[in-house]
Amino acid sequence: IKVLPPDINESYEGFSVSSDGIRFGLAAIKNVGKGAISSIINSREEKGKFIGITDFCEKVNL
C-alpha cells in the first residue's frame, strides 16, 4: 500500500483512501489550522481543482 503526501487537489482534513493508496490529510501539514483546511476544501469543491499557486491564491480566502 502506497502512502501518499498531502495534496491540495486531493486531500481532505484527515487521511483518505483512494485506488492509488492512502493519502495524508491537510491536517498533517504543520501550522495549517482547521479554518484554512475548511477554506481550501470548500473552495476546491465549489470552484474546481487548483491549477497553480496563483489560481490557489485567487480561489481560497485565507
PDB file of N, CA and C in Angstrom:
ATOM      1  N   ILE A   1       0.859  -1.182   0.000  1.00  0.00           N
ATOM      2  CA  ILE A   1       0.000   0.000   0.000  1.00  0.00           C
ATOM      3  C   ILE A   1       0.896   1.233   0.000  1.00  0.00           C
ATOM      4  N   LYS A   2       0.638   2.125  -0.949  1.00  0.00           N
ATOM      5  CA  LYS A   2       1.412   3.362  -1.022  1.00  0.00           C
ATOM      6  C   LYS A   2       0.840   4.389  -0.050  1.00  0.00           C
ATOM      7  N   VAL A   3       1.729   5.143   0.594  1.00  0.00           N
ATOM      8  CA  VAL A   3       1.338   6.264   1.435  1.00  0.00           C
ATOM      9  C   VAL A   3       1.684   7.525   0.651  1.00  0.00           C
ATOM     10  N   LEU A   4       0.656   8.320   0.368  1.00  0.00           N
ATOM     11  CA  LEU A   4       0.804   9.495  -0.485  1.00  0.00           C
ATOM     12  C   LEU A   4       0.848  10.773   0.345  1.00  0.00           C
ATOM     13  N   PRO A   5       1.591  11.772  -0.094  1.00  0.00           N
ATOM     14  CA  PRO A   5       1.690  13.031   0.644  1.00  0.00           C
ATOM     15  C   PRO A   5       0.401  13.849   0.534  1.00  0.00           C
ATOM     16  N   PRO A   6       0.255  14.873   1.380  1.00  0.00           N
ATOM     17  CA  PRO A   6      -0.898  15.764   1.257  1.00  0.00           C
ATOM     18  C   PRO A   6      -0.888  16.448  -0.114  1.00  0.00           C
ATOM     19  N   ASP A   7      -2.077  16.718  -0.631  1.00  0.00           N
ATOM     20  CA  ASP A   7      -2.219  17.334  -1.953  1.00  0.00           C
ATOM     21  C   ASP A   7      -3.423  18.270  -1.895  1.00  0.00           C
ATOM     22  N   ILE A   8      -3.235  19.545  -2.231  1.00  0.00           N
ATOM     23  CA  ILE A   8      -4.349  20.495  -2.127  1.00  0.00           C
ATOM     24  C   ILE A   8      -5.501  20.163  -3.059  1.00  0.00           C
ATOM     25  N   ASN A   9      -5.250  19.372  -4.085  1.00  0.00           N
ATOM     26  CA  ASN A   9      -6.312  18.982  -5.013  1.00  0.00           C
ATOM     27  C   ASN A   9      -6.954  17.643  -4.679  1.00  0.00           C
ATOM     28  N   GLU A  10      -6.404  16.901  -3.751  1.00  0.00           N
ATOM     29  CA  GLU A  10      -6.914  15.562  -3.446  1.00  0.00           C
ATOM     30  C   GLU A  10      -7.223  15.329  -1.968  1.00  0.00           C
ATOM     31  N   SER A  11      -6.484  15.962  -1.072  1.00  0.00           N
ATOM     32  CA  SER A  11      -6.602  15.676   0.361  1.00  0.00           C
ATOM     33  C   SER A  11      -7.814  16.332   0.997  1.00  0.00           C
ATOM     34  N   TYR A  12      -8.264  15.692   2.059  1.00  0.00           N
ATOM     35  CA  TYR A  12      -9.281  16.253   2.945  1.00  0.00           C
ATOM     36  C   TYR A  12      -8.594  16.539   4.272  1.00  0.00           C
ATOM     37  N   GLU A  13      -9.345  16.765   5.334  1.00  0.00           N
ATOM     38  CA  GLU A  13      -8.705  17.087   6.607  1.00  0.00           C
ATOM     39  C   GLU A  13      -7.866  15.922   7.125  1.00  0.00           C
ATOM     40  N   GLY A  14      -8.447  14.732   7.128  1.00  0.00           N
ATOM     41  CA  GLY A  14      -7.735  13.561   7.636  1.00  0.00           C
ATOM     42  C   GLY A  14      -7.285  12.651   6.512  1.00  0.00           C
ATOM     43  N   PHE A  15      -6.785  11.496   6.887  1.00  0.00           N
ATOM     44  CA  PHE A  15      -6.347  10.507   5.901  1.00  0.00           C
ATOM     45  C   PHE A  15      -7.522  10.093   5.016  1.00  0.00           C
ATOM     46  N   SER A  16      -7.232   9.760   3.764  1.00  0.00           N
ATOM     47  CA  SER A  16      -8.262   9.247   2.862  1.00  0.00           C
ATOM     48  C   SER A  16      -7.676   8.107   2.036  1.00  0.00           C
ATOM     49  N   VAL A  17      -8.561   7.249   1.568  1.00  0.00           N
ATOM     50  CA  VAL A  17      -8.150   6.079   0.799  1.00  0.00           C
ATOM     51  C   VAL A  17      -8.585   6.266  -0.650  1.00  0.00           C
ATOM     52  N   SER A  18      -7.682   5.966  -1.568  1.00  0.00           N
ATOM     53  CA  SER A  18      -8.010   6.004  -2.995  1.00  0.00           C
ATOM     54  C   SER A  18      -7.429   4.764  -3.652  1.00  0.00           C
ATOM     55  N   SER A  19      -7.655   4.632  -4.937  1.00  0.00           N
ATOM     56  CA  SER A  19      -7.116   3.474  -5.648  1.00  0.00           C
ATOM     57  C   SER A  19      -5.587   3.515  -5.710  1.00  0.00           C
ATOM     58  N   ASP A  20      -5.008   4.713  -5.517  1.00  0.00           N
ATOM     59  CA  ASP A  20      -3.553   4.866  -5.549  1.00  0.00           C
ATOM     60  C   ASP A  20      -2.885   4.548  -4.214  1.00  0.00           C
ATOM     61  N   GLY A  21      -3.637   4.617  -3.120  1.00  0.00           N
ATOM     62  CA  GLY A  21      -3.070   4.357  -1.800  1.00  0.00           C
ATOM     63  C   GLY A  21      -3.773   5.162  -0.728  1.00  0.00           C
ATOM     64  N   ILE A  22      -3.075   5.389   0.370  1.00  0.00           N
ATOM     65  CA  ILE A  22      -3.598   6.173   1.486  1.00  0.00           C
ATOM     66  C   ILE A  22      -2.941   7.547   1.429  1.00  0.00           C
ATOM     67  N   ARG A  23      -3.775   8.598   1.390  1.00  0.00           N
ATOM     68  CA  ARG A  23      -3.247   9.957   1.285  1.00  0.00           C
ATOM     69  C   ARG A  23      -3.327  10.670   2.631  1.00  0.00           C
ATOM     70  N   PHE A  24      -2.218  11.316   2.995  1.00  0.00           N
ATOM     71  CA  PHE A  24      -2.198  12.142   4.196  1.00  0.00           C
ATOM     72  C   PHE A  24      -3.197  13.277   4.038  1.00  0.00           C
ATOM     73  N   GLY A  25      -3.793  13.689   5.141  1.00  0.00           N
ATOM     74  CA  GLY A  25      -4.722  14.803   5.131  1.00  0.00           C
ATOM     75  C   GLY A  25      -4.003  16.126   5.289  1.00  0.00           C
ATOM     76  N   LEU A  26      -4.715  17.203   5.013  1.00  0.00           N
ATOM     77  CA  LEU A  26      -4.141  18.541   5.137  1.00  0.00           C
ATOM     78  C   LEU A  26      -3.788  18.877   6.583  1.00  0.00           C
ATOM     79  N   ALA A  27      -4.447  18.233   7.540  1.00  0.00           N
ATOM     80  CA  ALA A  27      -4.152  18.474   8.953  1.00  0.00           C
ATOM     81  C   ALA A  27      -2.749  18.005   9.328  1.00  0.00           C
ATOM     82  N   ALA A  28      -2.130  17.189   8.494  1.00  0.00           N
ATOM     83  CA  ALA A  28      -0.773  16.705   8.763  1.00  0.00           C
ATOM     84  C   ALA A  28       0.282  17.770   8.463  1.00  0.00           C
ATOM     85  N   ILE A  29      -0.116  18.855   7.803  1.00  0.00           N
ATOM     86  CA  ILE A  29       0.826  19.924   7.467  1.00  0.00           C
ATOM     87  C   ILE A  29       0.950  20.858   8.666  1.00  0.00           C
ATOM     88  N   LYS A  30       2.165  21.048   9.119  1.00  0.00           N
ATOM     89  CA  LYS A  30       2.426  21.865  10.302  1.00  0.00           C
ATOM     90  C   LYS A  30       1.919  23.292  10.101  1.00  0.00           C
ATOM     91  N   ASN A  31       1.270  23.824  11.122  1.00  0.00           N
ATOM     92  CA  ASN A  31       0.748  25.193  11.172  1.00  0.00           C
ATOM     93  C   ASN A  31      -0.409  25.474  10.213  1.00  0.00           C
ATOM     94  N   VAL A  32      -1.055  24.443   9.697  1.00  0.00           N
ATOM     95  CA  VAL A  32      -2.267  24.633   8.892  1.00  0.00           C
ATOM     96  C   VAL A  32      -3.449  24.270   9.783  1.00  0.00           C
ATOM     97  N   GLY A  33      -4.263  25.260  10.119  1.00  0.00           N
ATOM     98  CA  GLY A  33      -5.373  25.047  11.037  1.00  0.00           C
ATOM     99  C   GLY A  33      -6.651  24.612  10.352  1.00  0.00           C
ATOM    100  N   LYS A  34      -7.651  24.316  11.180  1.00  0.00           N
ATOM    101  CA  LYS A  34      -8.936  23.836  10.669  1.00  0.00           C
ATOM    102  C   LYS A  34      -9.629  24.866   9.783  1.00  0.00           C
ATOM    103  N   GLY A  35      -9.488  26.145  10.103  1.00  0.00           N
ATOM    104  CA  GLY A  35     -10.107  27.186   9.284  1.00  0.00           C
ATOM    105  C   GLY A  35      -9.534  27.216   7.879  1.00  0.00           C
ATOM    106  N   ALA A  36      -8.219  27.138   7.779  1.00  0.00           N
ATOM    107  CA  ALA A  36      -7.562  27.126   6.467  1.00  0.00           C
ATOM    108  C   ALA A  36      -7.934  25.870   5.689  1.00  0.00           C
ATOM    109  N   ILE A  37      -7.966  24.738   6.380  1.00  0.00           N
ATOM    110  CA  ILE A  37      -8.326  23.474   5.734  1.00  0.00           C
ATOM    111  C   ILE A  37      -9.746  23.549   5.180  1.00  0.00           C
ATOM    112  N   SER A  38     -10.667  24.080   5.967  1.00  0.00           N
ATOM    113  CA  SER A  38     -12.057  24.221   5.507  1.00  0.00           C
ATOM    114  C   SER A  38     -12.143  25.127   4.287  1.00  0.00           C
ATOM    115  N   SER A  39     -11.406  26.237   4.304  1.00  0.00           N
ATOM    116  CA  SER A  39     -11.410  27.159   3.164  1.00  0.00           C
ATOM    117  C   SER A  39     -10.871  26.496   1.905  1.00  0.00           C
ATOM    118  N   ILE A  40      -9.790  25.729   2.052  1.00  0.00           N
ATOM    119  CA  ILE A  40      -9.187  25.043   0.905  1.00  0.00           C
ATOM    120  C   ILE A  40     -10.167  24.035   0.315  1.00  0.00           C
ATOM    121  N   ILE A  41     -10.733  23.196   1.172  1.00  0.00           N
ATOM    122  CA  ILE A  41     -11.640  22.150   0.693  1.00  0.00           C
ATOM    123  C   ILE A  41     -12.906  22.755   0.086  1.00  0.00           C
ATOM    124  N   ASN A  42     -13.498  23.743   0.757  1.00  0.00           N
ATOM    125  CA  ASN A  42     -14.713  24.379   0.236  1.00  0.00           C
ATOM    126  C   ASN A  42     -14.460  25.053  -1.109  1.00  0.00           C
ATOM    127  N   SER A  43     -13.350  25.773  -1.229  1.00  0.00           N
ATOM    128  CA  SER A  43     -13.021  26.435  -2.495  1.00  0.00           C
ATOM    129  C   SER A  43     -12.816  25.421  -3.605  1.00  0.00           C
ATOM    130  N   ARG A  44     -12.113  24.345  -3.294  1.00  0.00           N
ATOM    131  CA  ARG A  44     -11.859  23.299  -4.297  1.00  0.00           C
ATOM    132  C   ARG A  44     -13.165  22.659  -4.760  1.00  0.00           C
ATOM    133  N   GLU A  45     -14.082  22.397  -3.824  1.00  0.00           N
ATOM    134  CA  GLU A  45     -15.352  21.762  -4.180  1.00  0.00           C
ATOM    135  C   GLU A  45     -16.266  22.704  -4.959  1.00  0.00           C
ATOM    136  N   GLU A  46     -16.227  24.000  -4.645  1.00  0.00           N
ATOM    137  CA  GLU A  46     -17.095  24.975  -5.309  1.00  0.00           C
ATOM    138  C   GLU A  46     -16.544  25.457  -6.650  1.00  0.00           C
ATOM    139  N   LYS A  47     -15.214  25.629  -6.727  1.00  0.00           N
ATOM    140  CA  LYS A  47     -14.607  26.276  -7.895  1.00  0.00           C
ATOM    141  C   LYS A  47     -13.718  25.366  -8.729  1.00  0.00           C
ATOM    142  N   GLY A  48     -13.534  24.135  -8.296  1.00  0.00           N
ATOM    143  CA  GLY A  48     -12.707  23.197  -9.053  1.00  0.00           C
ATOM    144  C   GLY A  48     -11.279  23.120  -8.541  1.00  0.00           C
ATOM    145  N   LYS A  49     -10.545  22.176  -9.090  1.00  0.00           N
ATOM    146  CA  LYS A  49      -9.159  21.954  -8.673  1.00  0.00           C
ATOM    147  C   LYS A  49      -8.293  23.168  -8.985  1.00  0.00           C
ATOM    148  N   PHE A  50      -7.231  23.307  -8.217  1.00  0.00           N
ATOM    149  CA  PHE A  50      -6.289  24.407  -8.387  1.00  0.00           C
ATOM    150  C   PHE A  50      -5.285  24.039  -9.482  1.00  0.00           C
ATOM    151  N   ILE A  51      -4.975  25.003 -10.344  1.00  0.00           N
ATOM    152  CA  ILE A  51      -4.047  24.718 -11.445  1.00  0.00           C
ATOM    153  C   ILE A  51      -2.661  25.321 -11.214  1.00  0.00           C
ATOM    154  N   GLY A  52      -2.502  26.046 -10.144  1.00  0.00           N
ATOM    155  CA  GLY A  52      -1.209  26.646  -9.822  1.00  0.00           C
ATOM    156  C   GLY A  52      -1.335  27.501  -8.578  1.00  0.00           C
ATOM    157  N   ILE A  53      -0.230  28.058  -8.132  1.00  0.00           N
ATOM    158  CA  ILE A  53      -0.232  28.850  -6.901  1.00  0.00           C
ATOM    159  C   ILE A  53      -1.075  30.119  -7.054  1.00  0.00           C
ATOM    160  N   THR A  54      -1.032  30.751  -8.216  1.00  0.00           N
ATOM    161  CA  THR A  54      -1.836  31.956  -8.436  1.00  0.00           C
ATOM    162  C   THR A  54      -3.319  31.625  -8.381  1.00  0.00           C
ATOM    163  N   ASP A  55      -3.715  30.548  -9.031  1.00  0.00           N
ATOM    164  CA  ASP A  55      -5.104  30.095  -9.014  1.00  0.00           C
ATOM    165  C   ASP A  55      -5.534  29.778  -7.585  1.00  0.00           C
ATOM    166  N   PHE A  56      -4.674  29.113  -6.838  1.00  0.00           N
ATOM    167  CA  PHE A  56      -4.955  28.786  -5.436  1.00  0.00           C
ATOM    168  C   PHE A  56      -5.199  30.066  -4.638  1.00  0.00           C
ATOM    169  N   CYS A  57      -4.313  31.047  -4.776  1.00  0.00           N
ATOM    170  CA  CYS A  57      -4.433  32.305  -4.027  1.00  0.00           C
ATOM    171  C   CYS A  57      -5.695  33.076  -4.397  1.00  0.00           C
ATOM    172  N   GLU A  58      -6.100  32.994  -5.666  1.00  0.00           N
ATOM    173  CA  GLU A  58      -7.311  33.687  -6.107  1.00  0.00           C
ATOM    174  C   GLU A  58      -8.581  33.013  -5.607  1.00  0.00           C
ATOM    175  N   LYS A  59      -8.563  31.688  -5.500  1.00  0.00           N
ATOM    176  CA  LYS A  59      -9.766  30.941  -5.130  1.00  0.00           C
ATOM    177  C   LYS A  59      -9.977  30.805  -3.624  1.00  0.00           C
ATOM    178  N   VAL A  60      -8.898  30.760  -2.860  1.00  0.00           N
ATOM    179  CA  VAL A  60      -9.003  30.476  -1.427  1.00  0.00           C
ATOM    180  C   VAL A  60      -8.889  31.762  -0.626  1.00  0.00           C
ATOM    181  N   ASN A  61      -9.838  31.954   0.275  1.00  0.00           N
ATOM    182  CA  ASN A  61      -9.830  33.113   1.158  1.00  0.00           C
ATOM    183  C   ASN A  61      -9.214  32.706   2.491  1.00  0.00           C
ATOM    184  N   LEU A  62      -7.931  33.016   2.661  1.00  0.00           N
ATOM    185  CA  LEU A  62      -7.252  32.659   3.918  1.00  0.00           C
ATOM    186  C   LEU A  62      -7.119  33.851   4.787  1.00  0.00           C
TER     187      LEU A  62
END
